[in-house]
Amino acid sequence: MIPKLIDVLDNFKGHVELMVNVSRILSKVSMDNDCSYAIIKTKKLSFLVDLLFDYHKIRDFPVRISFVLANLTTYFEEARE
C-alpha cells in the first residue's frame, strides 16, 4: 500500500487536498518501523524532498512531509544517505 500512496503524490501533483491527505497518512504510518522501511524501499526519498520544496506553500504539507523524513532518518541509516 505504501508504494501506491507515494505514487498518488507523484501522479496527482497539484491536487492540494489529495496531497495534504496523503501526506497526513504517510506521517502517521511513518511512525511504524515496517511502514517506514516500506517508504525507504520505494527509493523515492529524494522525490519527497523535492515535493517539500516544490509545494512549500501548501498549508500543512511541508510539515507533514518533514515529519515523514524525520521519522525515516531517525531510525534508518539508509534514509540518511
PDB file of N, CA and C in Angstrom:
ATOM      1  N   MET A   1       0.816  -1.199   0.000  1.00  0.00           N
ATOM      2  CA  MET A   1       0.000   0.000   0.000  1.00  0.00           C
ATOM      3  C   MET A   1       0.867   1.273   0.000  1.00  0.00           C
ATOM      4  N   ILE A   2       1.994   1.215   0.681  1.00  0.00           N
ATOM      5  CA  ILE A   2       2.863   2.389   0.783  1.00  0.00           C
ATOM      6  C   ILE A   2       3.336   2.878  -0.595  1.00  0.00           C
ATOM      7  N   PRO A   3       3.829   1.995  -1.471  1.00  0.00           N
ATOM      8  CA  PRO A   3       4.235   2.482  -2.794  1.00  0.00           C
ATOM      9  C   PRO A   3       3.100   3.159  -3.557  1.00  0.00           C
ATOM     10  N   LYS A   4       1.880   2.668  -3.367  1.00  0.00           N
ATOM     11  CA  LYS A   4       0.730   3.273  -4.051  1.00  0.00           C
ATOM     12  C   LYS A   4       0.457   4.683  -3.522  1.00  0.00           C
ATOM     13  N   LEU A   5       0.646   4.888  -2.228  1.00  0.00           N
ATOM     14  CA  LEU A   5       0.464   6.234  -1.670  1.00  0.00           C
ATOM     15  C   LEU A   5       1.507   7.201  -2.233  1.00  0.00           C
ATOM     16  N   ILE A   6       2.749   6.733  -2.338  1.00  0.00           N
ATOM     17  CA  ILE A   6       3.800   7.569  -2.921  1.00  0.00           C
ATOM     18  C   ILE A   6       3.468   7.869  -4.379  1.00  0.00           C
ATOM     19  N   ASP A   7       2.955   6.866  -5.099  1.00  0.00           N
ATOM     20  CA  ASP A   7       2.565   7.076  -6.498  1.00  0.00           C
ATOM     21  C   ASP A   7       1.435   8.094  -6.626  1.00  0.00           C
ATOM     22  N   VAL A   8       0.522   8.110  -5.667  1.00  0.00           N
ATOM     23  CA  VAL A   8      -0.555   9.104  -5.689  1.00  0.00           C
ATOM     24  C   VAL A   8       0.054  10.507  -5.625  1.00  0.00           C
ATOM     25  N   LEU A   9       1.029  10.695  -4.751  1.00  0.00           N
ATOM     26  CA  LEU A   9       1.695  12.004  -4.678  1.00  0.00           C
ATOM     27  C   LEU A   9       2.361  12.352  -6.002  1.00  0.00           C
ATOM     28  N   ASP A  10       2.946  11.350  -6.639  1.00  0.00           N
ATOM     29  CA  ASP A  10       3.657  11.585  -7.891  1.00  0.00           C
ATOM     30  C   ASP A  10       2.684  11.858  -9.047  1.00  0.00           C
ATOM     31  N   ASN A  11       1.598  11.118  -9.101  1.00  0.00           N
ATOM     32  CA  ASN A  11       0.675  11.224 -10.244  1.00  0.00           C
ATOM     33  C   ASN A  11      -0.347  12.347 -10.133  1.00  0.00           C
ATOM     34  N   PHE A  12      -0.575  12.836  -8.923  1.00  0.00           N
ATOM     35  CA  PHE A  12      -1.605  13.863  -8.738  1.00  0.00           C
ATOM     36  C   PHE A  12      -1.028  15.133  -8.123  1.00  0.00           C
ATOM     37  N   LYS A  13       0.166  15.496  -8.572  1.00  0.00           N
ATOM     38  CA  LYS A  13       0.784  16.738  -8.100  1.00  0.00           C
ATOM     39  C   LYS A  13      -0.142  17.895  -8.420  1.00  0.00           C
ATOM     40  N   GLY A  14      -0.264  18.785  -7.485  1.00  0.00           N
ATOM     41  CA  GLY A  14      -1.091  19.955  -7.697  1.00  0.00           C
ATOM     42  C   GLY A  14      -2.507  19.814  -7.166  1.00  0.00           C
ATOM     43  N   HIS A  15      -2.946  18.613  -6.891  1.00  0.00           N
ATOM     44  CA  HIS A  15      -4.256  18.399  -6.270  1.00  0.00           C
ATOM     45  C   HIS A  15      -4.064  18.561  -4.765  1.00  0.00           C
ATOM     46  N   VAL A  16      -4.240  19.784  -4.318  1.00  0.00           N
ATOM     47  CA  VAL A  16      -3.851  20.175  -2.969  1.00  0.00           C
ATOM     48  C   VAL A  16      -4.473  19.300  -1.890  1.00  0.00           C
ATOM     49  N   GLU A  17      -5.768  19.120  -1.922  1.00  0.00           N
ATOM     50  CA  GLU A  17      -6.434  18.356  -0.866  1.00  0.00           C
ATOM     51  C   GLU A  17      -5.936  16.913  -0.824  1.00  0.00           C
ATOM     52  N   LEU A  18      -5.757  16.316  -1.981  1.00  0.00           N
ATOM     53  CA  LEU A  18      -5.265  14.943  -2.051  1.00  0.00           C
ATOM     54  C   LEU A  18      -3.835  14.847  -1.518  1.00  0.00           C
ATOM     55  N   MET A  19      -2.995  15.788  -1.903  1.00  0.00           N
ATOM     56  CA  MET A  19      -1.607  15.789  -1.430  1.00  0.00           C
ATOM     57  C   MET A  19      -1.535  15.947   0.089  1.00  0.00           C
ATOM     58  N   VAL A  20      -2.355  16.821   0.634  1.00  0.00           N
ATOM     59  CA  VAL A  20      -2.364  17.032   2.079  1.00  0.00           C
ATOM     60  C   VAL A  20      -2.847  15.777   2.796  1.00  0.00           C
ATOM     61  N   ASN A  21      -3.882  15.141   2.276  1.00  0.00           N
ATOM     62  CA  ASN A  21      -4.406  13.937   2.922  1.00  0.00           C
ATOM     63  C   ASN A  21      -3.436  12.761   2.841  1.00  0.00           C
ATOM     64  N   VAL A  22      -2.807  12.584   1.693  1.00  0.00           N
ATOM     65  CA  VAL A  22      -1.827  11.501   1.560  1.00  0.00           C
ATOM     66  C   VAL A  22      -0.617  11.774   2.457  1.00  0.00           C
ATOM     67  N   SER A  23      -0.190  13.016   2.532  1.00  0.00           N
ATOM     68  CA  SER A  23       0.944  13.332   3.410  1.00  0.00           C
ATOM     69  C   SER A  23       0.580  13.088   4.876  1.00  0.00           C
ATOM     70  N   ARG A  24      -0.667  13.290   5.205  1.00  0.00           N
ATOM     71  CA  ARG A  24      -1.124  13.010   6.575  1.00  0.00           C
ATOM     72  C   ARG A  24      -1.051  11.518   6.864  1.00  0.00           C
ATOM     73  N   ILE A  25      -1.505  10.717   5.917  1.00  0.00           N
ATOM     74  CA  ILE A  25      -1.442   9.263   6.084  1.00  0.00           C
ATOM     75  C   ILE A  25       0.014   8.819   6.219  1.00  0.00           C
ATOM     76  N   LEU A  26       0.870   9.318   5.340  1.00  0.00           N
ATOM     77  CA  LEU A  26       2.286   8.936   5.400  1.00  0.00           C
ATOM     78  C   LEU A  26       2.932   9.354   6.718  1.00  0.00           C
ATOM     79  N   SER A  27       2.542  10.512   7.233  1.00  0.00           N
ATOM     80  CA  SER A  27       3.122  10.953   8.505  1.00  0.00           C
ATOM     81  C   SER A  27       2.705  10.030   9.642  1.00  0.00           C
ATOM     82  N   LYS A  28       1.504   9.503   9.579  1.00  0.00           N
ATOM     83  CA  LYS A  28       1.028   8.568  10.613  1.00  0.00           C
ATOM     84  C   LYS A  28       1.725   7.216  10.491  1.00  0.00           C
ATOM     85  N   VAL A  29       1.753   6.668   9.280  1.00  0.00           N
ATOM     86  CA  VAL A  29       2.320   5.327   9.122  1.00  0.00           C
ATOM     87  C   VAL A  29       3.840   5.322   9.245  1.00  0.00           C
ATOM     88  N   SER A  30       4.476   6.461   9.052  1.00  0.00           N
ATOM     89  CA  SER A  30       5.941   6.500   9.159  1.00  0.00           C
ATOM     90  C   SER A  30       6.419   6.327  10.596  1.00  0.00           C
ATOM     91  N   MET A  31       5.504   6.318  11.538  1.00  0.00           N
ATOM     92  CA  MET A  31       5.883   6.065  12.926  1.00  0.00           C
ATOM     93  C   MET A  31       6.042   4.562  13.185  1.00  0.00           C
ATOM     94  N   ASP A  32       5.589   3.741  12.252  1.00  0.00           N
ATOM     95  CA  ASP A  32       5.740   2.295  12.357  1.00  0.00           C
ATOM     96  C   ASP A  32       6.997   1.870  11.589  1.00  0.00           C
ATOM     97  N   ASN A  33       7.841   1.031  12.195  1.00  0.00           N
ATOM     98  CA  ASN A  33       9.104   0.634  11.565  1.00  0.00           C
ATOM     99  C   ASN A  33       8.907  -0.074  10.224  1.00  0.00           C
ATOM    100  N   ASP A  34       7.939  -0.980  10.143  1.00  0.00           N
ATOM    101  CA  ASP A  34       7.720  -1.702   8.893  1.00  0.00           C
ATOM    102  C   ASP A  34       7.258  -0.765   7.782  1.00  0.00           C
ATOM    103  N   CYS A  35       6.380   0.145   8.123  1.00  0.00           N
ATOM    104  CA  CYS A  35       5.902   1.111   7.125  1.00  0.00           C
ATOM    105  C   CYS A  35       7.021   2.074   6.724  1.00  0.00           C
ATOM    106  N   SER A  36       7.815   2.480   7.687  1.00  0.00           N
ATOM    107  CA  SER A  36       8.948   3.357   7.373  1.00  0.00           C
ATOM    108  C   SER A  36       9.896   2.671   6.405  1.00  0.00           C
ATOM    109  N   TYR A  37      10.184   1.416   6.676  1.00  0.00           N
ATOM    110  CA  TYR A  37      11.074   0.673   5.786  1.00  0.00           C
ATOM    111  C   TYR A  37      10.453   0.527   4.396  1.00  0.00           C
ATOM    112  N   ALA A  38       9.139   0.360   4.331  1.00  0.00           N
ATOM    113  CA  ALA A  38       8.459   0.275   3.036  1.00  0.00           C
ATOM    114  C   ALA A  38       8.588   1.591   2.263  1.00  0.00           C
ATOM    115  N   ILE A  39       8.533   2.705   2.961  1.00  0.00           N
ATOM    116  CA  ILE A  39       8.729   4.006   2.310  1.00  0.00           C
ATOM    117  C   ILE A  39      10.152   4.099   1.761  1.00  0.00           C
ATOM    118  N   ILE A  40      11.119   3.665   2.550  1.00  0.00           N
ATOM    119  CA  ILE A  40      12.517   3.705   2.108  1.00  0.00           C
ATOM    120  C   ILE A  40      12.718   2.809   0.890  1.00  0.00           C
ATOM    121  N   LYS A  41      12.100   1.642   0.884  1.00  0.00           N
ATOM    122  CA  LYS A  41      12.254   0.701  -0.226  1.00  0.00           C
ATOM    123  C   LYS A  41      11.705   1.234  -1.545  1.00  0.00           C
ATOM    124  N   THR A  42      10.834   2.230  -1.494  1.00  0.00           N
ATOM    125  CA  THR A  42      10.322   2.809  -2.743  1.00  0.00           C
ATOM    126  C   THR A  42      11.401   3.600  -3.474  1.00  0.00           C
ATOM    127  N   LYS A  43      12.479   3.932  -2.744  1.00  0.00           N
ATOM    128  CA  LYS A  43      13.596   4.720  -3.298  1.00  0.00           C
ATOM    129  C   LYS A  43      13.133   6.067  -3.844  1.00  0.00           C
ATOM    130  N   LYS A  44      12.154   6.640  -3.167  1.00  0.00           N
ATOM    131  CA  LYS A  44      11.612   7.932  -3.595  1.00  0.00           C
ATOM    132  C   LYS A  44      11.803   9.010  -2.519  1.00  0.00           C
ATOM    133  N   LEU A  45      12.819   8.864  -1.705  1.00  0.00           N
ATOM    134  CA  LEU A  45      13.043   9.868  -0.669  1.00  0.00           C
ATOM    135  C   LEU A  45      13.434  11.211  -1.273  1.00  0.00           C
ATOM    136  N   SER A  46      14.231  11.182  -2.327  1.00  0.00           N
ATOM    137  CA  SER A  46      14.588  12.452  -2.973  1.00  0.00           C
ATOM    138  C   SER A  46      13.347  13.094  -3.597  1.00  0.00           C
ATOM    139  N   PHE A  47      12.429  12.271  -4.067  1.00  0.00           N
ATOM    140  CA  PHE A  47      11.157  12.780  -4.579  1.00  0.00           C
ATOM    141  C   PHE A  47      10.382  13.496  -3.478  1.00  0.00           C
ATOM    142  N   LEU A  48      10.355  12.921  -2.276  1.00  0.00           N
ATOM    143  CA  LEU A  48       9.673  13.567  -1.157  1.00  0.00           C
ATOM    144  C   LEU A  48      10.331  14.895  -0.794  1.00  0.00           C
ATOM    145  N   VAL A  49      11.644  14.925  -0.848  1.00  0.00           N
ATOM    146  CA  VAL A  49      12.355  16.179  -0.573  1.00  0.00           C
ATOM    147  C   VAL A  49      12.011  17.214  -1.645  1.00  0.00           C
ATOM    148  N   ASP A  50      11.973  16.788  -2.889  1.00  0.00           N
ATOM    149  CA  ASP A  50      11.600  17.708  -3.977  1.00  0.00           C
ATOM    150  C   ASP A  50      10.187  18.247  -3.778  1.00  0.00           C
ATOM    151  N   LEU A  51       9.266  17.381  -3.378  1.00  0.00           N
ATOM    152  CA  LEU A  51       7.902  17.839  -3.114  1.00  0.00           C
ATOM    153  C   LEU A  51       7.871  18.870  -1.994  1.00  0.00           C
ATOM    154  N   LEU A  52       8.687  18.635  -1.009  1.00  0.00           N
ATOM    155  CA  LEU A  52       8.769  19.555   0.125  1.00  0.00           C
ATOM    156  C   LEU A  52       9.094  20.969  -0.354  1.00  0.00           C
ATOM    157  N   PHE A  53      10.039  21.070  -1.261  1.00  0.00           N
ATOM    158  CA  PHE A  53      10.425  22.385  -1.769  1.00  0.00           C
ATOM    159  C   PHE A  53       9.450  22.920  -2.826  1.00  0.00           C
ATOM    160  N   ASP A  54       8.927  22.039  -3.659  1.00  0.00           N
ATOM    161  CA  ASP A  54       8.030  22.477  -4.727  1.00  0.00           C
ATOM    162  C   ASP A  54       6.675  22.963  -4.200  1.00  0.00           C
ATOM    163  N   TYR A  55       6.221  22.365  -3.115  1.00  0.00           N
ATOM    164  CA  TYR A  55       4.890  22.675  -2.590  1.00  0.00           C
ATOM    165  C   TYR A  55       4.952  23.209  -1.168  1.00  0.00           C
ATOM    166  N   HIS A  56       5.957  24.015  -0.896  1.00  0.00           N
ATOM    167  CA  HIS A  56       6.149  24.550   0.464  1.00  0.00           C
ATOM    168  C   HIS A  56       5.054  25.530   0.886  1.00  0.00           C
ATOM    169  N   LYS A  57       4.257  26.011  -0.049  1.00  0.00           N
ATOM    170  CA  LYS A  57       3.213  26.971   0.305  1.00  0.00           C
ATOM    171  C   LYS A  57       1.856  26.321   0.593  1.00  0.00           C
ATOM    172  N   ILE A  58       1.772  25.015   0.372  1.00  0.00           N
ATOM    173  CA  ILE A  58       0.522  24.320   0.677  1.00  0.00           C
ATOM    174  C   ILE A  58       0.439  24.148   2.187  1.00  0.00           C
ATOM    175  N   ARG A  59      -0.658  24.584   2.745  1.00  0.00           N
ATOM    176  CA  ARG A  59      -0.848  24.526   4.196  1.00  0.00           C
ATOM    177  C   ARG A  59      -0.710  23.089   4.703  1.00  0.00           C
ATOM    178  N   ASP A  60       0.079  22.899   5.719  1.00  0.00           N
ATOM    179  CA  ASP A  60       0.314  21.624   6.409  1.00  0.00           C
ATOM    180  C   ASP A  60       1.177  20.626   5.635  1.00  0.00           C
ATOM    181  N   PHE A  61       1.267  20.733   4.344  1.00  0.00           N
ATOM    182  CA  PHE A  61       2.006  19.755   3.557  1.00  0.00           C
ATOM    183  C   PHE A  61       3.490  19.692   3.931  1.00  0.00           C
ATOM    184  N   PRO A  62       4.201  20.812   3.979  1.00  0.00           N
ATOM    185  CA  PRO A  62       5.634  20.727   4.312  1.00  0.00           C
ATOM    186  C   PRO A  62       5.888  20.159   5.707  1.00  0.00           C
ATOM    187  N   VAL A  63       5.029  20.477   6.637  1.00  0.00           N
ATOM    188  CA  VAL A  63       5.199  19.967   7.998  1.00  0.00           C
ATOM    189  C   VAL A  63       5.050  18.453   8.007  1.00  0.00           C
ATOM    190  N   ARG A  64       4.080  17.950   7.302  1.00  0.00           N
ATOM    191  CA  ARG A  64       3.830  16.506   7.286  1.00  0.00           C
ATOM    192  C   ARG A  64       4.930  15.743   6.557  1.00  0.00           C
ATOM    193  N   ILE A  65       5.366  16.258   5.431  1.00  0.00           N
ATOM    194  CA  ILE A  65       6.455  15.592   4.702  1.00  0.00           C
ATOM    195  C   ILE A  65       7.745  15.659   5.520  1.00  0.00           C
ATOM    196  N   SER A  66       7.984  16.767   6.186  1.00  0.00           N
ATOM    197  CA  SER A  66       9.162  16.879   7.059  1.00  0.00           C
ATOM    198  C   SER A  66       9.090  15.864   8.190  1.00  0.00           C
ATOM    199  N   PHE A  67       7.909  15.656   8.724  1.00  0.00           N
ATOM    200  CA  PHE A  67       7.711  14.678   9.787  1.00  0.00           C
ATOM    201  C   PHE A  67       8.041  13.275   9.279  1.00  0.00           C
ATOM    202  N   VAL A  68       7.599  12.956   8.067  1.00  0.00           N
ATOM    203  CA  VAL A  68       7.898  11.650   7.472  1.00  0.00           C
ATOM    204  C   VAL A  68       9.408  11.484   7.336  1.00  0.00           C
ATOM    205  N   LEU A  69      10.057  12.477   6.758  1.00  0.00           N
ATOM    206  CA  LEU A  69      11.502  12.404   6.554  1.00  0.00           C
ATOM    207  C   LEU A  69      12.254  12.317   7.878  1.00  0.00           C
ATOM    208  N   ALA A  70      11.778  13.019   8.878  1.00  0.00           N
ATOM    209  CA  ALA A  70      12.405  12.958  10.198  1.00  0.00           C
ATOM    210  C   ALA A  70      12.271  11.557  10.790  1.00  0.00           C
ATOM    211  N   ASN A  71      11.101  10.962  10.670  1.00  0.00           N
ATOM    212  CA  ASN A  71      10.916   9.598  11.180  1.00  0.00           C
ATOM    213  C   ASN A  71      11.841   8.611  10.477  1.00  0.00           C
ATOM    214  N   LEU A  72      11.982   8.762   9.186  1.00  0.00           N
ATOM    215  CA  LEU A  72      12.813   7.834   8.420  1.00  0.00           C
ATOM    216  C   LEU A  72      14.291   7.994   8.757  1.00  0.00           C
ATOM    217  N   THR A  73      14.740   9.221   8.845  1.00  0.00           N
ATOM    218  CA  THR A  73      16.172   9.448   9.088  1.00  0.00           C
ATOM    219  C   THR A  73      16.571   9.207  10.537  1.00  0.00           C
ATOM    220  N   THR A  74      15.620   9.197  11.429  1.00  0.00           N
ATOM    221  CA  THR A  74      15.936   8.943  12.829  1.00  0.00           C
ATOM    222  C   THR A  74      16.358   7.499  13.051  1.00  0.00           C
ATOM    223  N   TYR A  75      15.701   6.573  12.399  1.00  0.00           N
ATOM    224  CA  TYR A  75      15.918   5.158  12.703  1.00  0.00           C
ATOM    225  C   TYR A  75      16.598   4.346  11.604  1.00  0.00           C
ATOM    226  N   PHE A  76      16.700   4.894  10.400  1.00  0.00           N
ATOM    227  CA  PHE A  76      17.241   4.116   9.298  1.00  0.00           C
ATOM    228  C   PHE A  76      18.425   4.815   8.639  1.00  0.00           C
ATOM    229  N   GLU A  77      19.568   4.174   8.697  1.00  0.00           N
ATOM    230  CA  GLU A  77      20.790   4.699   8.087  1.00  0.00           C
ATOM    231  C   GLU A  77      20.600   4.878   6.578  1.00  0.00           C
ATOM    232  N   GLU A  78      19.861   3.963   5.965  1.00  0.00           N
ATOM    233  CA  GLU A  78      19.625   4.028   4.522  1.00  0.00           C
ATOM    234  C   GLU A  78      18.951   5.342   4.116  1.00  0.00           C
ATOM    235  N   ALA A  79      18.083   5.838   4.966  1.00  0.00           N
ATOM    236  CA  ALA A  79      17.367   7.075   4.663  1.00  0.00           C
ATOM    237  C   ALA A  79      18.284   8.284   4.791  1.00  0.00           C
ATOM    238  N   ARG A  80      19.274   8.188   5.648  1.00  0.00           N
ATOM    239  CA  ARG A  80      20.209   9.306   5.826  1.00  0.00           C
ATOM    240  C   ARG A  80      21.111   9.505   4.632  1.00  0.00           C
ATOM    241  N   GLU A  81      21.375   8.424   3.921  1.00  0.00           N
ATOM    242  CA  GLU A  81      22.268   8.509   2.759  1.00  0.00           C
ATOM    243  C   GLU A  81      21.609   9.318   1.686  1.00  0.00           C
TER     244      GLU A  81
END
